């Protein structure tokens, strides 16, 4: 599905809004946070439904995306190796 088509499905957008919305999305993509650490802009744990305990809040604070990726990969490997059969 094209980005323009997705924008057009929004109830408050008309076809003539595509350019304006595209510029707005590009502006948002260009905003950089104070660090590249995953989590809230002001710091703190990652919130995602991957973390099934504590209301989807990670039990760890990750300093880098690589730390988060390593944790997710480790959990995935553990789950695969513990499946029966």
PDB file of N, CA and C in Angstrom:
ATOM      1  N   UNK A   1       0.845  -1.177   0.000  1.00  0.00           N
ATOM      2  CA  UNK A   1       0.000   0.000   0.000  1.00  0.00           C
ATOM      3  C   UNK A   1       0.890   1.239   0.000  1.00  0.00           C
ATOM      4  N   UNK A   2       0.644   2.149  -0.864  1.00  0.00           N
ATOM      5  CA  UNK A   2       1.441   3.372  -0.974  1.00  0.00           C
ATOM      6  C   UNK A   2       1.127   4.319   0.169  1.00  0.00           C
ATOM      7  N   UNK A   3       2.106   5.143   0.531  1.00  0.00           N
ATOM      8  CA  UNK A   3       1.923   6.106   1.612  1.00  0.00           C
ATOM      9  C   UNK A   3       0.764   7.046   1.291  1.00  0.00           C
ATOM     10  N   UNK A   4       0.705   7.520   0.062  1.00  0.00           N
ATOM     11  CA  UNK A   4      -0.370   8.425  -0.327  1.00  0.00           C
ATOM     12  C   UNK A   4      -1.730   7.790  -0.129  1.00  0.00           C
ATOM     13  N   UNK A   5      -1.845   6.506  -0.437  1.00  0.00           N
ATOM     14  CA  UNK A   5      -3.113   5.806  -0.270  1.00  0.00           C
ATOM     15  C   UNK A   5      -3.487   5.719   1.207  1.00  0.00           C
ATOM     16  N   UNK A   6      -2.496   5.426   2.062  1.00  0.00           N
ATOM     17  CA  UNK A   6      -2.737   5.353   3.501  1.00  0.00           C
ATOM     18  C   UNK A   6      -3.220   6.694   4.022  1.00  0.00           C
ATOM     19  N   UNK A   7      -2.594   7.772   3.598  1.00  0.00           N
ATOM     20  CA  UNK A   7      -3.011   9.116   4.019  1.00  0.00           C
ATOM     21  C   UNK A   7      -4.425   9.389   3.549  1.00  0.00           C
ATOM     22  N   UNK A   8      -4.750   8.962   2.359  1.00  0.00           N
ATOM     23  CA  UNK A   8      -6.074   9.238   1.802  1.00  0.00           C
ATOM     24  C   UNK A   8      -7.158   8.496   2.572  1.00  0.00           C
ATOM     25  N   UNK A   9      -6.805   7.392   3.260  1.00  0.00           N
ATOM     26  CA  UNK A   9      -7.791   6.654   4.043  1.00  0.00           C
ATOM     27  C   UNK A   9      -8.146   7.376   5.338  1.00  0.00           C
ATOM     28  N   UNK A  10      -7.346   8.343   5.751  1.00  0.00           N
ATOM     29  CA  UNK A  10      -7.634   9.086   6.973  1.00  0.00           C
ATOM     30  C   UNK A  10      -8.897   9.919   6.757  1.00  0.00           C
ATOM     31  N   UNK A  11      -9.795   9.961   7.733  1.00  0.00           N
ATOM     32  CA  UNK A  11     -11.090  10.618   7.527  1.00  0.00           C
ATOM     33  C   UNK A  11     -11.010  12.127   7.333  1.00  0.00           C
ATOM     34  N   UNK A  12      -9.990  12.782   7.832  1.00  0.00           N
ATOM     35  CA  UNK A  12      -9.916  14.237   7.741  1.00  0.00           C
ATOM     36  C   UNK A  12      -9.042  14.724   6.587  1.00  0.00           C
ATOM     37  N   UNK A  13      -8.601  13.827   5.737  1.00  0.00           N
ATOM     38  CA  UNK A  13      -7.719  14.206   4.636  1.00  0.00           C
ATOM     39  C   UNK A  13      -8.445  14.092   3.303  1.00  0.00           C
ATOM     40  N   UNK A  14      -8.129  15.012   2.438  1.00  0.00           N
ATOM     41  CA  UNK A  14      -8.624  14.966   1.068  1.00  0.00           C
ATOM     42  C   UNK A  14      -7.428  14.776   0.154  1.00  0.00           C
ATOM     43  N   UNK A  15      -7.698  14.468  -1.083  1.00  0.00           N
ATOM     44  CA  UNK A  15      -6.609  14.197  -2.024  1.00  0.00           C
ATOM     45  C   UNK A  15      -5.645  15.378  -2.125  1.00  0.00           C
ATOM     46  N   UNK A  16      -6.155  16.588  -2.041  1.00  0.00           N
ATOM     47  CA  UNK A  16      -5.275  17.760  -2.157  1.00  0.00           C
ATOM     48  C   UNK A  16      -4.376  17.944  -0.920  1.00  0.00           C
ATOM     49  N   UNK A  17      -4.605  17.165   0.145  1.00  0.00           N
ATOM     50  CA  UNK A  17      -3.788  17.255   1.361  1.00  0.00           C
ATOM     51  C   UNK A  17      -2.530  16.390   1.305  1.00  0.00           C
ATOM     52  N   UNK A  18      -2.366  15.565   0.302  1.00  0.00           N
ATOM     53  CA  UNK A  18      -1.252  14.618   0.237  1.00  0.00           C
ATOM     54  C   UNK A  18       0.093  15.328   0.375  1.00  0.00           C
ATOM     55  N   UNK A  19       0.324  16.397  -0.347  1.00  0.00           N
ATOM     56  CA  UNK A  19       1.602  17.088  -0.299  1.00  0.00           C
ATOM     57  C   UNK A  19       1.865  17.683   1.080  1.00  0.00           C
ATOM     58  N   UNK A  20       0.854  18.290   1.665  1.00  0.00           N
ATOM     59  CA  UNK A  20       1.005  18.899   2.990  1.00  0.00           C
ATOM     60  C   UNK A  20       1.308  17.829   4.036  1.00  0.00           C
ATOM     61  N   UNK A  21       0.585  16.730   3.979  1.00  0.00           N
ATOM     62  CA  UNK A  21       0.803  15.642   4.933  1.00  0.00           C
ATOM     63  C   UNK A  21       2.193  15.032   4.730  1.00  0.00           C
ATOM     64  N   UNK A  22       2.598  14.849   3.490  1.00  0.00           N
ATOM     65  CA  UNK A  22       3.927  14.297   3.217  1.00  0.00           C
ATOM     66  C   UNK A  22       5.014  15.189   3.788  1.00  0.00           C
ATOM     67  N   UNK A  23       4.883  16.500   3.644  1.00  0.00           N
ATOM     68  CA  UNK A  23       5.863  17.424   4.222  1.00  0.00           C
ATOM     69  C   UNK A  23       5.853  17.343   5.748  1.00  0.00           C
ATOM     70  N   UNK A  24       4.684  17.210   6.339  1.00  0.00           N
ATOM     71  CA  UNK A  24       4.585  17.095   7.796  1.00  0.00           C
ATOM     72  C   UNK A  24       5.264  15.815   8.289  1.00  0.00           C
ATOM     73  N   UNK A  25       5.041  14.709   7.586  1.00  0.00           N
ATOM     74  CA  UNK A  25       5.674  13.444   7.960  1.00  0.00           C
ATOM     75  C   UNK A  25       7.188  13.560   7.841  1.00  0.00           C
ATOM     76  N   UNK A  26       7.669  14.159   6.771  1.00  0.00           N
ATOM     77  CA  UNK A  26       9.120  14.341   6.601  1.00  0.00           C
ATOM     78  C   UNK A  26       9.695  15.200   7.720  1.00  0.00           C
ATOM     79  N   UNK A  27       8.979  16.236   8.119  1.00  0.00           N
ATOM     80  CA  UNK A  27       9.448  17.091   9.217  1.00  0.00           C
ATOM     81  C   UNK A  27       9.530  16.287  10.513  1.00  0.00           C
ATOM     82  N   UNK A  28       8.534  15.448  10.782  1.00  0.00           N
ATOM     83  CA  UNK A  28       8.554  14.630  11.990  1.00  0.00           C
ATOM     84  C   UNK A  28       9.686  13.612  11.964  1.00  0.00           C
ATOM     85  N   UNK A  29       9.946  13.022  10.810  1.00  0.00           N
ATOM     86  CA  UNK A  29      11.035  12.057  10.679  1.00  0.00           C
ATOM     87  C   UNK A  29      12.373  12.725  10.979  1.00  0.00           C
ATOM     88  N   UNK A  30      12.496  13.993  10.637  1.00  0.00           N
ATOM     89  CA  UNK A  30      13.756  14.706  10.815  1.00  0.00           C
ATOM     90  C   UNK A  30      14.047  15.139  12.243  1.00  0.00           C
ATOM     91  N   UNK A  31      13.080  15.030  13.145  1.00  0.00           N
ATOM     92  CA  UNK A  31      13.302  15.437  14.532  1.00  0.00           C
ATOM     93  C   UNK A  31      14.167  14.390  15.228  1.00  0.00           C
ATOM     94  N   UNK A  32      15.221  14.832  15.847  1.00  0.00           N
ATOM     95  CA  UNK A  32      16.117  13.929  16.561  1.00  0.00           C
ATOM     96  C   UNK A  32      15.984  14.163  18.062  1.00  0.00           C
ATOM     97  N   UNK A  33      15.954  13.079  18.813  1.00  0.00           N
ATOM     98  CA  UNK A  33      15.886  13.165  20.259  1.00  0.00           C
ATOM     99  C   UNK A  33      17.255  13.503  20.838  1.00  0.00           C
ATOM    100  N   UNK A  34      17.310  13.700  22.146  1.00  0.00           N
ATOM    101  CA  UNK A  34      18.574  14.057  22.775  1.00  0.00           C
ATOM    102  C   UNK A  34      19.590  12.922  22.780  1.00  0.00           C
ATOM    103  N   UNK A  35      19.141  11.690  22.581  1.00  0.00           N
ATOM    104  CA  UNK A  35      20.065  10.560  22.478  1.00  0.00           C
ATOM    105  C   UNK A  35      19.434   9.517  21.570  1.00  0.00           C
ATOM    106  N   UNK A  36      20.222   8.529  21.201  1.00  0.00           N
ATOM    107  CA  UNK A  36      19.688   7.461  20.348  1.00  0.00           C
ATOM    108  C   UNK A  36      19.243   6.260  21.169  1.00  0.00           C
ATOM    109  N   UNK A  37      19.252   6.380  22.492  1.00  0.00           N
ATOM    110  CA  UNK A  37      18.823   5.274  23.350  1.00  0.00           C
ATOM    111  C   UNK A  37      17.330   5.014  23.156  1.00  0.00           C
ATOM    112  N   UNK A  38      16.938   3.749  23.068  1.00  0.00           N
ATOM    113  CA  UNK A  38      15.519   3.448  22.935  1.00  0.00           C
ATOM    114  C   UNK A  38      14.782   3.768  24.233  1.00  0.00           C
ATOM    115  N   UNK A  39      13.543   4.169  24.120  1.00  0.00           N
ATOM    116  CA  UNK A  39      12.741   4.505  25.293  1.00  0.00           C
ATOM    117  C   UNK A  39      12.188   5.906  25.155  1.00  0.00           C
ATOM    118  N   UNK A  40      11.722   6.441  26.240  1.00  0.00           N
ATOM    119  CA  UNK A  40      11.141   7.780  26.237  1.00  0.00           C
ATOM    120  C   UNK A  40      12.196   8.833  25.938  1.00  0.00           C
ATOM    121  N   UNK A  41      11.790   9.934  25.369  1.00  0.00           N
ATOM    122  CA  UNK A  41      12.716  11.013  25.008  1.00  0.00           C
ATOM    123  C   UNK A  41      13.496  11.492  26.228  1.00  0.00           C
ATOM    124  N   UNK A  42      12.848  11.570  27.363  1.00  0.00           N
ATOM    125  CA  UNK A  42      13.519  12.028  28.574  1.00  0.00           C
ATOM    126  C   UNK A  42      14.248  10.918  29.315  1.00  0.00           C
ATOM    127  N   UNK A  43      14.286   9.721  28.764  1.00  0.00           N
ATOM    128  CA  UNK A  43      14.921   8.574  29.406  1.00  0.00           C
ATOM    129  C   UNK A  43      13.887   7.663  30.037  1.00  0.00           C
ATOM    130  N   UNK A  44      14.282   6.469  30.310  1.00  0.00           N
ATOM    131  CA  UNK A  44      13.384   5.508  30.937  1.00  0.00           C
ATOM    132  C   UNK A  44      13.242   4.246  30.124  1.00  0.00           C
ATOM    133  N   UNK A  45      12.463   3.303  30.633  1.00  0.00           N
ATOM    134  CA  UNK A  45      12.332   2.012  29.957  1.00  0.00           C
ATOM    135  C   UNK A  45      11.473   2.090  28.696  1.00  0.00           C
ATOM    136  N   UNK A  46      11.688   1.108  27.848  1.00  0.00           N
ATOM    137  CA  UNK A  46      10.899   0.958  26.626  1.00  0.00           C
ATOM    138  C   UNK A  46       9.528   0.408  27.015  1.00  0.00           C
ATOM    139  N   UNK A  47       8.489   0.907  26.367  1.00  0.00           N
ATOM    140  CA  UNK A  47       7.146   0.365  26.559  1.00  0.00           C
ATOM    141  C   UNK A  47       6.689  -0.250  25.236  1.00  0.00           C
ATOM    142  N   UNK A  48       6.351  -1.546  25.290  1.00  0.00           N
ATOM    143  CA  UNK A  48       5.894  -2.247  24.084  1.00  0.00           C
ATOM    144  C   UNK A  48       5.228  -3.535  24.530  1.00  0.00           C
ATOM    145  N   UNK A  49       4.283  -4.042  23.756  1.00  0.00           N
ATOM    146  CA  UNK A  49       3.594  -5.262  24.153  1.00  0.00           C
ATOM    147  C   UNK A  49       4.485  -6.498  24.093  1.00  0.00           C
ATOM    148  N   UNK A  50       5.704  -6.378  23.599  1.00  0.00           N
ATOM    149  CA  UNK A  50       6.689  -7.465  23.680  1.00  0.00           C
ATOM    150  C   UNK A  50       6.968  -7.798  25.147  1.00  0.00           C
ATOM    151  N   UNK A  51       6.963  -6.774  25.997  1.00  0.00           N
ATOM    152  CA  UNK A  51       7.241  -6.959  27.421  1.00  0.00           C
ATOM    153  C   UNK A  51       5.921  -7.242  28.116  1.00  0.00           C
ATOM    154  N   UNK A  52       5.675  -8.513  28.406  1.00  0.00           N
ATOM    155  CA  UNK A  52       4.361  -8.938  28.869  1.00  0.00           C
ATOM    156  C   UNK A  52       4.100  -8.628  30.339  1.00  0.00           C
ATOM    157  N   UNK A  53       5.109  -8.275  31.093  1.00  0.00           N
ATOM    158  CA  UNK A  53       4.881  -7.966  32.505  1.00  0.00           C
ATOM    159  C   UNK A  53       4.920  -6.453  32.729  1.00  0.00           C
ATOM    160  N   UNK A  54       4.415  -6.039  33.863  1.00  0.00           N
ATOM    161  CA  UNK A  54       4.453  -4.632  34.268  1.00  0.00           C
ATOM    162  C   UNK A  54       3.890  -3.682  33.212  1.00  0.00           C
ATOM    163  N   UNK A  55       2.751  -4.020  32.681  1.00  0.00           N
ATOM    164  CA  UNK A  55       2.052  -3.138  31.739  1.00  0.00           C
ATOM    165  C   UNK A  55       2.894  -2.798  30.515  1.00  0.00           C
ATOM    166  N   UNK A  56       3.550  -3.789  29.963  1.00  0.00           N
ATOM    167  CA  UNK A  56       4.333  -3.657  28.737  1.00  0.00           C
ATOM    168  C   UNK A  56       5.589  -2.809  28.908  1.00  0.00           C
ATOM    169  N   UNK A  57       6.100  -2.705  30.114  1.00  0.00           N
ATOM    170  CA  UNK A  57       7.295  -1.911  30.384  1.00  0.00           C
ATOM    171  C   UNK A  57       8.490  -2.849  30.514  1.00  0.00           C
ATOM    172  N   UNK A  58       9.564  -2.521  29.830  1.00  0.00           N
ATOM    173  CA  UNK A  58      10.782  -3.318  29.900  1.00  0.00           C
ATOM    174  C   UNK A  58      11.341  -3.312  31.318  1.00  0.00           C
ATOM    175  N   UNK A  59      11.860  -4.452  31.774  1.00  0.00           N
ATOM    176  CA  UNK A  59      12.479  -4.479  33.090  1.00  0.00           C
ATOM    177  C   UNK A  59      13.864  -3.827  33.099  1.00  0.00           C
ATOM    178  N   UNK A  60      14.349  -3.459  31.939  1.00  0.00           N
ATOM    179  CA  UNK A  60      15.683  -2.878  31.809  1.00  0.00           C
ATOM    180  C   UNK A  60      15.610  -1.539  31.085  1.00  0.00           C
ATOM    181  N   UNK A  61      16.600  -0.723  31.321  1.00  0.00           N
ATOM    182  CA  UNK A  61      16.782   0.495  30.531  1.00  0.00           C
ATOM    183  C   UNK A  61      17.949   0.213  29.591  1.00  0.00           C
ATOM    184  N   UNK A  62      17.702   0.351  28.315  1.00  0.00           N
ATOM    185  CA  UNK A  62      18.707   0.061  27.295  1.00  0.00           C
ATOM    186  C   UNK A  62      19.420   1.355  26.916  1.00  0.00           C
ATOM    187  N   UNK A  63      20.741   1.305  26.915  1.00  0.00           N
ATOM    188  CA  UNK A  63      21.519   2.481  26.543  1.00  0.00           C
ATOM    189  C   UNK A  63      21.699   2.601  25.042  1.00  0.00           C
ATOM    190  N   UNK A  64      21.531   1.488  24.337  1.00  0.00           N
ATOM    191  CA  UNK A  64      21.695   1.488  22.884  1.00  0.00           C
ATOM    192  C   UNK A  64      20.636   0.579  22.252  1.00  0.00           C
ATOM    193  N   UNK A  65      20.423   0.781  20.977  1.00  0.00           N
ATOM    194  CA  UNK A  65      19.517  -0.092  20.227  1.00  0.00           C
ATOM    195  C   UNK A  65      20.089  -1.505  20.183  1.00  0.00           C
ATOM    196  N   UNK A  66      21.408  -1.634  20.122  1.00  0.00           N
ATOM    197  CA  UNK A  66      22.027  -2.969  20.107  1.00  0.00           C
ATOM    198  C   UNK A  66      21.727  -3.754  21.383  1.00  0.00           C
ATOM    199  N   UNK A  67      21.703  -3.070  22.540  1.00  0.00           N
ATOM    200  CA  UNK A  67      21.350  -3.753  23.785  1.00  0.00           C
ATOM    201  C   UNK A  67      19.923  -4.289  23.724  1.00  0.00           C
ATOM    202  N   UNK A  68      19.007  -3.476  23.239  1.00  0.00           N
ATOM    203  CA  UNK A  68      17.614  -3.905  23.100  1.00  0.00           C
ATOM    204  C   UNK A  68      17.520  -5.065  22.131  1.00  0.00           C
ATOM    205  N   UNK A  69      18.195  -4.971  20.996  1.00  0.00           N
ATOM    206  CA  UNK A  69      18.156  -6.036  19.997  1.00  0.00           C
ATOM    207  C   UNK A  69      18.733  -7.331  20.561  1.00  0.00           C
ATOM    208  N   UNK A  70      19.819  -7.251  21.304  1.00  0.00           N
ATOM    209  CA  UNK A  70      20.416  -8.444  21.903  1.00  0.00           C
ATOM    210  C   UNK A  70      19.456  -9.102  22.890  1.00  0.00           C
ATOM    211  N   UNK A  71      18.765  -8.295  23.669  1.00  0.00           N
ATOM    212  CA  UNK A  71      17.798  -8.832  24.629  1.00  0.00           C
ATOM    213  C   UNK A  71      16.659  -9.534  23.891  1.00  0.00           C
ATOM    214  N   UNK A  72      16.097  -8.882  22.897  1.00  0.00           N
ATOM    215  CA  UNK A  72      14.992  -9.473  22.134  1.00  0.00           C
ATOM    216  C   UNK A  72      15.454 -10.767  21.462  1.00  0.00           C
ATOM    217  N   UNK A  73      16.642 -10.753  20.857  1.00  0.00           N
ATOM    218  CA  UNK A  73      17.154 -11.961  20.213  1.00  0.00           C
ATOM    219  C   UNK A  73      17.375 -13.076  21.221  1.00  0.00           C
ATOM    220  N   UNK A  74      17.884 -12.731  22.405  1.00  0.00           N
ATOM    221  CA  UNK A  74      18.108 -13.740  23.444  1.00  0.00           C
ATOM    222  C   UNK A  74      16.808 -14.370  23.914  1.00  0.00           C
ATOM    223  N   UNK A  75      15.782 -13.559  24.095  1.00  0.00           N
ATOM    224  CA  UNK A  75      14.480 -14.078  24.502  1.00  0.00           C
ATOM    225  C   UNK A  75      13.922 -14.978  23.409  1.00  0.00           C
ATOM    226  N   UNK A  76      14.060 -14.565  22.165  1.00  0.00           N
ATOM    227  CA  UNK A  76      13.559 -15.366  21.039  1.00  0.00           C
ATOM    228  C   UNK A  76      14.266 -16.710  20.973  1.00  0.00           C
ATOM    229  N   UNK A  77      15.579 -16.716  21.148  1.00  0.00           N
ATOM    230  CA  UNK A  77      16.346 -17.968  21.112  1.00  0.00           C
ATOM    231  C   UNK A  77      15.945 -18.877  22.269  1.00  0.00           C
ATOM    232  N   UNK A  78      15.734 -18.298  23.435  1.00  0.00           N
ATOM    233  CA  UNK A  78      15.340 -19.076  24.606  1.00  0.00           C
ATOM    234  C   UNK A  78      13.979 -19.717  24.385  1.00  0.00           C
ATOM    235  N   UNK A  79      13.036 -18.953  23.834  1.00  0.00           N
ATOM    236  CA  UNK A  79      11.700 -19.476  23.602  1.00  0.00           C
ATOM    237  C   UNK A  79      11.720 -20.610  22.579  1.00  0.00           C
ATOM    238  N   UNK A  80      12.500 -20.462  21.545  1.00  0.00           N
ATOM    239  CA  UNK A  80      12.586 -21.505  20.508  1.00  0.00           C
ATOM    240  C   UNK A  80      13.187 -22.767  21.097  1.00  0.00           C
ATOM    241  N   UNK A  81      14.231 -22.657  21.918  1.00  0.00           N
ATOM    242  CA  UNK A  81      14.907 -23.825  22.440  1.00  0.00           C
ATOM    243  C   UNK A  81      14.091 -24.529  23.530  1.00  0.00           C
ATOM    244  N   UNK A  82      13.104 -23.861  24.106  1.00  0.00           N
ATOM    245  CA  UNK A  82      12.302 -24.492  25.160  1.00  0.00           C
ATOM    246  C   UNK A  82      10.965 -25.014  24.663  1.00  0.00           C
ATOM    247  N   UNK A  83      10.659 -24.867  23.397  1.00  0.00           N
ATOM    248  CA  UNK A  83       9.394 -25.382  22.863  1.00  0.00           C
ATOM    249  C   UNK A  83       9.439 -26.914  22.813  1.00  0.00           C
ATOM    250  N   UNK A  84       8.350 -27.545  23.202  1.00  0.00           N
ATOM    251  CA  UNK A  84       8.320 -29.005  23.131  1.00  0.00           C
ATOM    252  C   UNK A  84       8.271 -29.503  21.690  1.00  0.00           C
ATOM    253  N   UNK A  85       8.807 -30.687  21.485  1.00  0.00           N
ATOM    254  CA  UNK A  85       8.656 -31.332  20.213  1.00  0.00           C
ATOM    255  C   UNK A  85       9.734 -31.098  19.279  1.00  0.00           C
TER     256      UNK A  85
END
